[in-house]
Amino acid sequence: MTSKFELTRRGFIGSSAALAALLASGGASLAQDGKSLTIAYNIPVQSWDPTAGQSSVNPVLQSFYLAVFDRFIAQKPDLSFEGGLLTEWGFNDDKTKISMTVREGVKWHNGDAFTPEDVVWSLTRAADPASGNGGQFVWSKIGNFSIDGNVITGDVLEFEPALFKWMAFLTGFVLPKAYYESVGAEGFEKAPIGTGPYKVAAFEQGAYVRLAANPDYWGGAPAFETVTIKFVTDAASRVAEIESGNSDVTSNIPYEEYDRLIATEGLSGQAVPITDIGMIFLNDIDVMLDKNVRLAAHHAIDKQLIIDRLLRGYGVPLSTLEAPGYAAYDPSIVFEYDAEKAKTLLAASGYSPENPAKFTIQTTRGFKPKDYEMIQAIVGMWRKVGIEAEIEVYEIAKHYELRATDQLAPAAFYNWGNSVGDPSTSTGFAMFGPSPHSVWDSPDLVEKMAPLFSERDEEKRIQGYKDVSRYIAEEGYVIPLLQYVMPIVYRSNLQVTTYSSGDLLPQAISPAA
């Protein structure tokens, strides 16, 4: 029997004048000519520095960056690691030094040779707090680099068990030393260059980016000469893009629309289980300081019902921030749906449907399939047990701004991406108070988690995160919801290689054989 997640069948409109003109150009930009491709994407790229600022730590923007730049270490579609701009890497036996072998014969988009100096400069810059790198706390743990031919060695200033995983993760990109120093940050934003399979040919803020193939790409030239990515933030508009023929590929549309579209002649699709998880951050303020309220809010949510009714079965319910496939996933940790228990917990703190606990929950709308509708359903479930939540809608960029300054509401919906599957990059940074990505700051959790960031015994480290995940569930410090399945719809004359990370890569799309 074919799994629903493997099923494939044949079968924004932006406000700017630039995008309006682009849409008016119609079929000339479509994949039918075999040379160009148009993608309707759910979020605009705001910055072309993939190593600094809020955009660099947004998992959904990595597709743009991976088209133009290369990471130190690459990942295959199944997320196993392979050589990127480094071909070999590792610690020495006592983990006091690292060694990296740099790929030879690579060129930057402007024709300059890629060198080991670019790698050292990128790592040094990333370690500097002034750079604005969201992974600075990782990159600062190595230094004192030396170069011998194409081999770089460096000192381990503080052991980071997931160091080389980070080189395949957020902010793990190499930038051009000479070019960046010549044009500066502002010049780089205007004319970014990388070593990736595509070059930035045109960019209209908030509207679109047009990419041109890099014929000299070290990994082989991509299939399409030109790729236009439209920024279409409204889900219904993305459906219209693919249905009208104005775009060749889109993703993250409502699941009922996915099922309908892939039954249409000329369209195909894949629903791909990815490493992103839906979750509700809880901030240690107001009523969330009451453990009974936190646990009741979690027990009151029927996750399977939400998946079945709203997501048409596309999703996997979760009890922790570790999804199946993550290194510290523990299926023995189960947080049950129990509305009666939720009522009992709330009653113990003096709350009831007649005297509800009140707070605000923030959410995006249309960023992920049925995000707003899920929160509406959850608010309805809460109301039945004695919780009254007011929904506040915001853009994903606002979420990052509020989270970075610890100003989220008592509850905030978010999708967490963890393409490397390490617990430090899921539970670790989402729940460790000193992390810029966390909003829960209780000392008990900081004390339990801090040693895990430098634990050298890998088995002990993974078990430690499993223990912490159990403790978090027992204390109700976060509400994990589900592992996402990402719907992708495309023309039947295309072949799309999907990535478990959720990245929709232009270089992974080609004409069907």
Protein backbone atom coordinates (compact mmCIF):
# COMPACT_ATOMS: atom_id res chain seq x y z
CA MET A 1 0.00 0.00 0.00
CA THR A 2 1.37 3.42 -0.93
CA SER A 3 2.05 5.69 2.03
CA LYS A 4 0.18 8.98 1.95
CA PHE A 5 3.49 10.76 2.50
CA GLU A 6 4.92 9.13 -0.66
CA LEU A 7 1.93 9.75 -2.88
CA THR A 8 2.63 11.33 -6.27
CA ARG A 9 -0.07 11.83 -8.91
CA ARG A 10 0.17 13.26 -12.45
CA GLY A 11 -2.41 14.59 -13.67
CA PHE A 12 1.04 37.78 -3.84
CA ILE A 13 0.46 38.91 -5.27
CA GLY A 14 3.03 41.56 -4.31
CA SER A 15 2.31 45.23 -4.18
CA SER A 16 5.34 46.38 -6.14
CA ALA A 17 5.20 47.40 -9.79
CA ALA A 18 8.16 45.13 -10.42
CA LEU A 19 6.26 42.03 -9.39
CA ALA A 20 3.17 43.13 -11.25
CA ALA A 21 5.23 43.43 -14.40
CA LEU A 22 6.79 40.04 -13.75
CA LEU A 23 3.39 38.40 -13.43
CA ALA A 24 2.16 40.12 -16.56
CA SER A 25 4.95 38.51 -18.55
CA GLY A 26 3.03 35.21 -18.26
CA GLY A 27 4.16 31.95 -19.74
CA ALA A 28 7.42 33.22 -21.23
CA SER A 29 9.16 32.68 -17.90
CA LEU A 30 7.92 29.15 -17.32
CA ALA A 31 9.68 25.80 -17.44
CA GLN A 32 8.07 24.89 -20.74
CA ASP A 33 11.00 26.43 -22.59
CA GLY A 34 13.39 24.12 -20.74
CA LYS A 35 15.69 27.00 -19.83
CA SER A 36 13.85 28.92 -17.10
CA LEU A 37 11.96 28.06 -13.94
CA THR A 38 9.57 30.06 -11.74
CA ILE A 39 8.96 29.25 -8.07
CA ALA A 40 6.30 30.81 -5.82
CA TYR A 41 7.86 30.91 -2.35
CA ASN A 42 6.18 31.61 0.98
CA ILE A 43 8.62 34.13 2.45
CA PRO A 44 10.81 36.92 1.05
CA VAL A 45 14.53 37.04 1.57
CA GLN A 46 15.46 40.18 3.50
CA SER A 47 19.25 40.02 3.53
CA TRP A 48 21.95 38.45 1.35
CA ASP A 49 24.38 37.82 4.18
CA PRO A 50 23.63 34.21 5.17
CA THR A 51 25.80 34.48 8.28
CA ALA A 52 24.40 37.51 10.11
CA GLY A 53 21.12 38.94 11.33
CA GLN A 54 17.71 37.37 11.85
CA SER A 55 17.38 36.08 8.28
CA SER A 56 20.47 33.90 8.68
CA VAL A 57 18.84 31.81 11.43
CA ASN A 58 15.48 31.44 9.69
CA PRO A 59 15.34 27.82 8.44
CA VAL A 60 12.88 28.70 5.68
CA LEU A 61 15.32 31.14 4.05
CA GLN A 62 18.10 28.60 3.71
CA SER A 63 16.80 27.55 0.27
CA PHE A 64 17.78 30.98 -1.09
CA TYR A 65 21.19 30.91 0.54
CA LEU A 66 21.97 27.35 -0.56
CA ALA A 67 21.30 28.35 -4.16
CA VAL A 68 23.89 31.13 -4.06
CA PHE A 69 26.40 30.13 -1.37
CA ASP A 70 28.01 26.93 -0.12
CA ARG A 71 28.38 25.72 3.42
CA PHE A 72 31.58 24.35 4.90
CA ILE A 73 29.92 20.92 4.93
CA ALA A 74 27.00 19.88 2.71
CA GLN A 75 24.03 17.60 3.26
CA LYS A 76 22.42 15.07 0.96
CA PRO A 77 18.63 14.91 0.56
CA ASP A 78 18.45 12.38 3.43
CA LEU A 79 20.52 14.87 5.52
CA SER A 80 23.62 12.68 5.72
CA PHE A 81 26.78 14.77 5.49
CA GLU A 82 29.08 15.14 2.52
CA GLY A 83 31.85 17.46 1.41
CA GLY A 84 30.99 21.07 0.74
CA LEU A 85 33.74 23.65 0.59
CA LEU A 86 35.56 21.33 2.96
CA THR A 87 36.35 17.82 1.77
CA GLU A 88 37.65 16.48 5.10
CA TRP A 89 37.19 17.61 8.70
CA GLY A 90 37.57 16.37 12.24
CA PHE A 91 39.01 16.65 15.75
CA ASN A 92 42.31 15.18 16.83
CA ASP A 93 42.23 12.32 19.35
CA ASP A 94 42.09 14.45 22.48
CA LYS A 95 39.75 17.00 20.85
CA THR A 96 42.10 19.93 21.41
CA LYS A 97 42.53 20.72 17.71
CA ILE A 98 40.56 20.60 14.49
CA SER A 99 41.71 19.95 10.95
CA MET A 100 39.91 20.94 7.73
CA THR A 101 40.86 20.22 4.13
CA VAL A 102 39.66 22.87 1.68
CA ARG A 103 38.20 21.95 -1.72
CA GLU A 104 40.43 22.98 -4.61
CA GLY A 105 39.46 24.38 -8.01
CA VAL A 106 36.45 26.41 -6.77
CA LYS A 107 35.76 29.96 -7.98
CA TRP A 108 33.65 32.79 -6.64
CA HIS A 109 30.95 34.19 -8.90
CA ASN A 110 33.23 37.10 -9.86
CA GLY A 111 35.91 34.69 -11.10
CA ASP A 112 38.22 34.99 -8.08
CA ALA A 113 39.72 31.76 -6.76
CA PHE A 114 38.26 30.35 -3.56
CA THR A 115 41.07 29.89 -1.00
CA PRO A 116 41.70 28.60 2.53
CA GLU A 117 42.01 32.26 3.55
CA ASP A 118 38.30 32.65 2.77
CA VAL A 119 37.50 29.83 5.18
CA VAL A 120 39.66 31.22 7.98
CA TRP A 121 38.29 34.74 7.48
CA SER A 122 34.70 33.45 7.49
CA LEU A 123 35.23 31.49 10.71
CA THR A 124 37.04 34.38 12.41
CA ARG A 125 34.34 36.85 11.39
CA ALA A 126 31.59 34.49 12.56
CA ALA A 127 33.24 34.25 15.99
CA ASP A 128 33.27 38.02 16.41
CA PRO A 129 30.24 39.24 18.44
CA ALA A 130 30.23 42.40 16.32
CA SER A 131 29.42 40.37 13.20
CA GLY A 132 25.84 39.68 14.30
CA ASN A 133 26.24 35.98 13.60
CA GLY A 134 23.45 33.99 15.28
CA GLY A 135 25.86 31.07 15.83
CA GLN A 136 28.65 33.19 17.31
CA PHE A 137 28.49 31.21 20.54
CA VAL A 138 29.54 28.14 18.51
CA TRP A 139 32.10 29.70 16.17
CA SER A 140 33.88 31.43 19.06
CA LYS A 141 34.88 28.03 20.44
CA ILE A 142 37.63 27.55 17.80
CA GLY A 143 40.49 29.82 16.78
CA ASN A 144 44.23 30.33 16.24
CA PHE A 145 44.05 28.99 12.70
CA SER A 146 47.03 28.15 10.54
CA ILE A 147 47.15 27.25 6.84
CA ASP A 148 49.42 24.73 5.16
CA GLY A 149 48.55 24.34 1.50
CA ASN A 150 44.85 23.50 1.44
CA VAL A 151 44.79 22.19 5.03
CA ILE A 152 43.65 24.39 7.92
CA THR A 153 44.31 23.54 11.55
CA GLY A 154 42.96 25.35 14.57
CA ASP A 155 42.74 25.20 18.34
CA VAL A 156 39.67 24.08 20.24
CA LEU A 157 39.18 26.94 22.71
CA GLU A 158 36.09 25.29 24.21
CA PHE A 159 34.81 21.89 23.15
CA GLU A 160 31.61 21.98 21.11
CA PRO A 161 30.32 18.47 20.38
CA ALA A 162 28.13 19.62 17.47
CA LEU A 163 30.76 21.88 15.87
CA PHE A 164 30.95 20.10 12.52
CA LYS A 165 27.17 19.68 12.41
CA TRP A 166 26.93 23.46 12.70
CA MET A 167 29.16 23.70 9.63
CA ALA A 168 26.23 22.15 7.74
CA PHE A 169 23.61 24.26 9.52
CA LEU A 170 22.45 27.83 10.05
CA THR A 171 25.14 30.49 9.45
CA GLY A 172 27.60 27.77 8.30
CA PHE A 173 28.43 29.51 5.01
CA VAL A 174 31.72 30.70 3.56
CA LEU A 175 31.93 34.28 2.25
CA PRO A 176 34.59 35.87 -0.02
CA LYS A 177 37.23 37.66 2.08
CA ALA A 178 38.73 39.95 -0.56
CA TYR A 179 35.45 40.89 -2.20
CA TYR A 180 33.60 41.52 1.08
CA GLU A 181 36.42 43.67 2.45
CA SER A 182 36.48 45.60 -0.83
CA VAL A 183 32.75 46.39 -1.08
CA GLY A 184 31.76 46.30 2.60
CA ALA A 185 28.52 45.08 4.11
CA GLU A 186 26.34 47.51 2.17
CA GLY A 187 28.04 46.72 -1.13
CA PHE A 188 27.69 43.00 -0.50
CA GLU A 189 23.94 43.37 0.03
CA LYS A 190 23.67 45.17 -3.31
CA ALA A 191 25.81 42.67 -5.20
CA PRO A 192 26.26 39.40 -3.29
CA ILE A 193 28.51 36.68 -4.63
CA GLY A 194 29.05 33.12 -3.50
CA THR A 195 30.41 29.86 -4.86
CA GLY A 196 26.98 28.27 -5.29
CA PRO A 197 25.18 26.91 -8.35
CA TYR A 198 23.33 30.17 -9.00
CA LYS A 199 24.27 33.85 -9.11
CA VAL A 200 21.98 36.71 -8.05
CA ALA A 201 21.04 38.44 -11.31
CA ALA A 202 18.23 40.73 -10.08
CA PHE A 203 16.53 41.38 -6.76
CA GLU A 204 13.47 43.44 -5.94
CA GLN A 205 12.94 43.72 -2.16
CA GLY A 206 9.62 42.17 -1.22
CA ALA A 207 8.87 41.05 -4.78
CA TYR A 208 11.26 38.55 -6.35
CA VAL A 209 14.81 37.41 -6.97
CA ARG A 210 16.09 36.25 -10.35
CA LEU A 211 18.98 33.79 -10.37
CA ALA A 212 21.34 32.98 -13.22
CA ALA A 213 23.08 29.62 -13.51
CA ASN A 214 26.75 29.38 -12.56
CA PRO A 215 28.14 27.30 -15.43
CA ASP A 216 31.44 26.80 -13.58
CA TYR A 217 29.90 25.43 -10.39
CA TRP A 218 32.21 22.85 -8.84
CA GLY A 219 29.28 20.51 -8.26
CA GLY A 220 28.09 20.72 -11.88
CA ALA A 221 26.00 23.35 -13.66
CA PRO A 222 22.30 23.40 -12.64
CA ALA A 223 19.58 22.37 -15.08
CA PHE A 224 17.92 25.76 -15.60
CA GLU A 225 19.70 28.83 -16.94
CA THR A 226 17.36 31.21 -15.11
CA VAL A 227 15.28 30.79 -11.96
CA THR A 228 12.80 33.42 -10.80
CA ILE A 229 11.58 33.09 -7.23
CA LYS A 230 8.50 35.17 -6.46
CA PHE A 231 7.81 36.09 -2.86
CA VAL A 232 4.16 35.04 -2.42
CA THR A 233 3.35 35.16 1.27
CA ASP A 234 -0.36 34.40 0.94
CA ALA A 235 -1.12 30.67 0.68
CA ALA A 236 -4.18 31.15 -1.55
CA SER A 237 -2.10 33.25 -3.92
CA ARG A 238 0.51 30.50 -4.14
CA VAL A 239 -2.25 28.08 -5.12
CA ALA A 240 -3.38 30.54 -7.79
CA GLU A 241 0.20 30.87 -9.05
CA ILE A 242 0.58 27.16 -9.75
CA GLU A 243 -2.98 26.68 -10.99
CA SER A 244 -2.80 29.58 -13.42
CA GLY A 245 0.53 28.51 -14.84
CA ASN A 246 2.34 31.64 -13.67
CA SER A 247 4.65 29.52 -11.48
CA ASP A 248 6.06 26.06 -12.02
CA VAL A 249 6.64 25.05 -8.40
CA THR A 250 5.23 26.01 -5.01
CA SER A 251 5.07 24.60 -1.50
CA ASN A 252 3.51 25.01 1.94
CA ILE A 253 -0.03 25.28 0.65
CA PRO A 254 -3.14 24.02 2.48
CA TYR A 255 -3.30 20.23 2.37
CA GLU A 256 -6.78 20.14 0.85
CA GLU A 257 -5.44 22.27 -1.99
CA TYR A 258 -2.45 19.97 -2.34
CA ASP A 259 -4.72 16.93 -2.67
CA ARG A 260 -6.86 18.76 -5.22
CA LEU A 261 -3.97 20.08 -7.31
CA ILE A 262 -2.05 16.81 -7.62
CA ALA A 263 -5.23 15.24 -9.04
CA THR A 264 -5.15 17.87 -11.80
CA GLU A 265 -3.78 16.90 -15.20
CA GLY A 266 -0.33 18.35 -15.76
CA LEU A 267 0.52 18.72 -12.08
CA SER A 268 2.39 16.40 -9.71
CA GLY A 269 3.33 16.63 -6.07
CA GLN A 270 5.12 15.19 -3.09
CA ALA A 271 4.20 15.43 0.58
CA VAL A 272 7.52 15.16 2.38
CA PRO A 273 8.04 14.52 6.12
CA ILE A 274 10.61 17.13 7.13
CA THR A 275 12.64 18.04 10.17
CA ASP A 276 10.51 21.11 10.99
CA ILE A 277 8.25 20.86 14.02
CA GLY A 278 5.27 22.95 15.05
CA MET A 279 5.48 24.12 18.67
CA ILE A 280 4.17 26.69 21.10
CA PHE A 281 6.83 28.65 22.97
CA LEU A 282 5.83 29.45 26.54
CA ASN A 283 7.34 32.55 28.08
CA ASP A 284 8.04 32.58 31.83
CA ILE A 285 5.70 35.50 32.49
CA ASP A 286 2.17 36.04 33.80
CA VAL A 287 0.02 32.91 34.14
CA MET A 288 2.72 30.72 32.57
CA LEU A 289 4.57 30.89 35.85
CA ASP A 290 1.83 28.55 37.14
CA LYS A 291 2.81 24.93 36.40
CA ASN A 292 -0.82 23.83 36.53
CA VAL A 293 -1.73 26.26 33.75
CA ARG A 294 1.18 25.15 31.58
CA LEU A 295 0.41 21.45 31.96
CA ALA A 296 -3.32 22.02 31.48
CA ALA A 297 -2.69 23.96 28.28
CA HIS A 298 -0.74 20.99 26.95
CA HIS A 299 -3.11 18.24 28.11
CA ALA A 300 -6.09 20.07 26.56
CA ILE A 301 -4.73 19.82 23.00
CA ASP A 302 -5.89 16.87 20.90
CA LYS A 303 -2.96 16.87 18.45
CA GLN A 304 -4.10 13.85 16.47
CA LEU A 305 -7.51 15.41 15.90
CA ILE A 306 -5.86 18.57 14.59
CA ILE A 307 -3.69 16.52 12.23
CA ASP A 308 -6.63 14.46 11.00
CA ARG A 309 -9.17 17.28 10.64
CA LEU A 310 -7.07 20.28 9.64
CA LEU A 311 -4.01 18.71 8.06
CA ARG A 312 -5.81 15.79 6.38
CA GLY A 313 -3.52 13.31 8.13
CA TYR A 314 -0.29 15.00 7.04
CA GLY A 315 1.71 15.22 10.27
CA VAL A 316 3.10 13.32 13.26
CA PRO A 317 2.10 14.29 16.83
CA LEU A 318 5.02 15.07 19.17
CA SER A 319 5.52 15.10 22.92
CA THR A 320 9.00 16.69 22.92
CA LEU A 321 11.06 18.95 20.67
CA GLU A 322 12.88 15.86 19.40
CA ALA A 323 11.21 14.46 16.29
CA PRO A 324 11.60 10.92 14.90
CA GLY A 325 15.01 10.77 13.26
CA TYR A 326 16.61 13.25 15.67
CA ALA A 327 19.55 11.85 17.64
CA ALA A 328 17.80 12.26 21.02
CA TYR A 329 14.29 11.22 20.03
CA ASP A 330 12.78 9.12 22.82
CA PRO A 331 9.45 7.46 21.95
CA SER A 332 8.92 6.51 25.60
CA ILE A 333 8.16 10.16 26.45
CA VAL A 334 4.45 10.53 25.78
CA PHE A 335 2.31 13.51 26.78
CA GLU A 336 -1.31 12.40 26.63
CA TYR A 337 -4.33 14.36 25.53
CA ASP A 338 -6.57 14.48 28.62
CA ALA A 339 -9.13 17.27 28.80
CA GLU A 340 -10.45 16.14 32.20
CA LYS A 341 -6.95 16.24 33.69
CA ALA A 342 -6.56 19.73 32.24
CA LYS A 343 -9.73 20.84 34.03
CA THR A 344 -8.51 19.32 37.31
CA LEU A 345 -5.13 21.08 37.07
CA LEU A 346 -6.78 24.41 36.32
CA ALA A 347 -9.26 23.96 39.17
CA ALA A 348 -6.35 23.44 41.56
CA SER A 349 -5.20 26.95 40.66
CA GLY A 350 -8.69 28.45 40.89
CA TYR A 351 -9.55 28.47 37.19
CA SER A 352 -12.59 27.10 35.38
CA PRO A 353 -14.61 27.76 32.21
CA GLU A 354 -16.50 30.37 34.24
CA ASN A 355 -13.28 31.90 35.61
CA PRO A 356 -10.69 31.15 32.93
CA ALA A 357 -6.95 31.65 32.92
CA LYS A 358 -6.28 34.39 30.36
CA PHE A 359 -3.31 35.06 28.11
CA THR A 360 -2.34 36.00 24.55
CA ILE A 361 -1.07 33.54 21.97
CA GLN A 362 0.80 34.80 18.90
CA THR A 363 0.84 33.05 15.54
CA THR A 364 1.63 33.48 11.87
CA ARG A 365 -1.14 33.17 9.29
CA GLY A 366 -0.41 31.31 6.06
CA PHE A 367 3.32 30.93 6.69
CA LYS A 368 2.88 27.20 7.30
CA PRO A 369 -0.14 25.18 6.17
CA LYS A 370 -3.08 25.84 8.49
CA ASP A 371 -0.95 27.59 11.14
CA TYR A 372 -3.65 30.11 12.08
CA GLU A 373 -6.42 27.52 11.85
CA MET A 374 -4.48 25.19 14.17
CA ILE A 375 -4.22 27.93 16.77
CA GLN A 376 -7.93 28.69 16.38
CA ALA A 377 -8.68 25.03 17.06
CA ILE A 378 -6.34 24.96 20.06
CA VAL A 379 -7.94 28.10 21.50
CA GLY A 380 -11.30 26.35 21.16
CA MET A 381 -9.99 23.29 23.01
CA TRP A 382 -8.60 25.53 25.73
CA ARG A 383 -11.89 27.34 26.14
CA LYS A 384 -13.63 24.08 27.04
CA VAL A 385 -11.30 23.41 29.96
CA GLY A 386 -10.99 26.92 31.41
CA ILE A 387 -8.43 28.86 29.37
CA GLU A 388 -9.30 32.01 27.45
CA ALA A 389 -6.62 32.91 24.92
CA GLU A 390 -6.61 35.92 22.62
CA ILE A 391 -4.98 35.36 19.22
CA GLU A 392 -2.49 37.92 17.94
CA VAL A 393 -1.32 37.50 14.33
CA TYR A 394 2.17 38.59 13.32
CA GLU A 395 4.64 38.09 10.47
CA ILE A 396 7.46 35.61 11.00
CA ALA A 397 10.01 38.47 11.01
CA LYS A 398 8.20 39.96 14.01
CA HIS A 399 8.45 36.65 15.83
CA TYR A 400 12.23 36.67 15.43
CA GLU A 401 12.43 40.26 16.65
CA LEU A 402 10.33 39.56 19.74
CA ARG A 403 12.07 36.29 20.55
CA ALA A 404 15.53 37.83 20.27
CA THR A 405 14.54 40.46 22.83
CA ASP A 406 12.56 38.03 25.05
CA GLN A 407 9.30 39.87 24.43
CA LEU A 408 7.09 37.10 23.11
CA ALA A 409 3.60 36.77 24.53
CA PRO A 410 2.98 34.11 27.19
CA ALA A 411 2.36 31.68 24.29
CA ALA A 412 3.68 31.89 20.72
CA PHE A 413 3.32 29.42 17.87
CA TYR A 414 6.45 28.71 15.81
CA ASN A 415 7.95 26.15 13.45
CA TRP A 416 11.40 24.99 14.58
CA GLY A 417 13.80 23.65 11.96
CA ASN A 418 16.62 21.28 12.85
CA SER A 419 18.07 19.87 9.65
CA VAL A 420 21.10 18.33 11.42
CA GLY A 421 18.97 16.47 13.98
CA ASP A 422 21.24 17.24 16.92
CA PRO A 423 19.52 17.84 20.27
CA SER A 424 21.62 20.94 20.91
CA THR A 425 20.04 22.56 17.86
CA SER A 426 16.50 21.68 18.90
CA THR A 427 15.83 21.29 22.64
CA GLY A 428 19.20 22.86 23.39
CA PHE A 429 18.86 26.28 21.84
CA ALA A 430 15.07 26.43 22.03
CA MET A 431 15.01 25.89 25.80
CA PHE A 432 18.39 27.00 27.18
CA GLY A 433 17.76 30.40 28.77
CA PRO A 434 21.04 32.10 27.77
CA SER A 435 20.48 31.11 24.12
CA PRO A 436 19.27 33.99 21.91
CA HIS A 437 16.66 31.57 20.54
CA SER A 438 14.98 30.76 23.86
CA VAL A 439 12.42 32.62 25.98
CA TRP A 440 12.10 30.26 28.93
CA ASP A 441 14.75 31.33 31.47
CA SER A 442 14.20 29.31 34.64
CA PRO A 443 17.46 28.51 36.53
CA ASP A 444 16.56 24.84 37.02
CA LEU A 445 16.61 24.21 33.28
CA VAL A 446 19.78 26.24 32.72
CA GLU A 447 21.52 24.16 35.39
CA LYS A 448 20.46 20.88 33.81
CA MET A 449 21.29 21.87 30.25
CA ALA A 450 24.54 23.85 30.54
CA PRO A 451 26.84 20.81 30.98
CA LEU A 452 25.44 19.14 27.87
CA PHE A 453 26.86 21.80 25.57
CA SER A 454 30.41 20.65 26.39
CA GLU A 455 29.87 16.96 27.16
CA ARG A 456 32.60 14.93 25.39
CA ASP A 457 31.01 11.52 25.90
CA GLU A 458 28.50 11.33 23.02
CA GLU A 459 26.36 8.59 24.54
CA LYS A 460 26.14 10.49 27.82
CA ARG A 461 25.33 13.73 25.97
CA ILE A 462 22.44 12.20 24.01
CA GLN A 463 21.03 10.51 27.14
CA GLY A 464 21.34 13.83 28.95
CA TYR A 465 19.15 15.51 26.35
CA LYS A 466 16.60 12.69 26.60
CA ASP A 467 16.49 13.23 30.37
CA VAL A 468 16.10 16.98 29.90
CA SER A 469 13.29 16.43 27.38
CA ARG A 470 11.44 14.30 29.92
CA TYR A 471 11.92 16.96 32.61
CA ILE A 472 10.66 19.70 30.27
CA ALA A 473 7.54 17.64 29.52
CA GLU A 474 6.92 17.04 33.21
CA GLU A 475 7.28 20.75 34.02
CA GLY A 476 5.32 21.93 30.97
CA TYR A 477 7.94 24.43 29.81
CA VAL A 478 6.98 24.16 26.12
CA ILE A 479 4.16 22.65 24.04
CA PRO A 480 5.43 20.51 21.15
CA LEU A 481 2.67 19.92 18.59
CA LEU A 482 3.71 17.99 15.49
CA GLN A 483 6.32 17.09 12.92
CA TYR A 484 5.46 18.74 9.63
CA VAL A 485 4.87 17.19 6.25
CA MET A 486 5.68 19.72 3.52
CA PRO A 487 3.44 19.70 0.42
CA ILE A 488 5.17 20.54 -2.87
CA VAL A 489 3.27 20.94 -6.16
CA TYR A 490 4.97 21.25 -9.54
CA ARG A 491 4.45 20.80 -13.25
CA SER A 492 4.52 17.18 -14.37
CA ASN A 493 7.32 17.96 -16.82
CA LEU A 494 9.63 18.60 -13.87
CA GLN A 495 11.60 16.35 -11.56
CA VAL A 496 12.00 17.63 -7.99
CA THR A 497 14.48 16.13 -5.54
CA THR A 498 13.12 16.73 -2.06
CA TYR A 499 15.17 17.33 1.08
CA SER A 500 14.17 16.19 4.56
CA SER A 501 15.33 19.60 5.78
CA GLY A 502 12.39 21.21 3.99
CA ASP A 503 14.71 23.11 1.67
CA LEU A 504 13.25 23.61 -1.80
CA LEU A 505 16.42 23.99 -3.83
CA PRO A 506 16.35 25.35 -7.41
CA GLN A 507 19.43 23.25 -8.21
CA ALA A 508 17.49 20.12 -7.21
CA ILE A 509 14.83 20.74 -9.88
CA SER A 510 15.30 19.60 -13.47
CA PRO A 511 13.23 18.69 -16.55
CA ALA A 512 11.68 15.25 -16.15
CA ALA A 513 13.38 12.48 -18.11
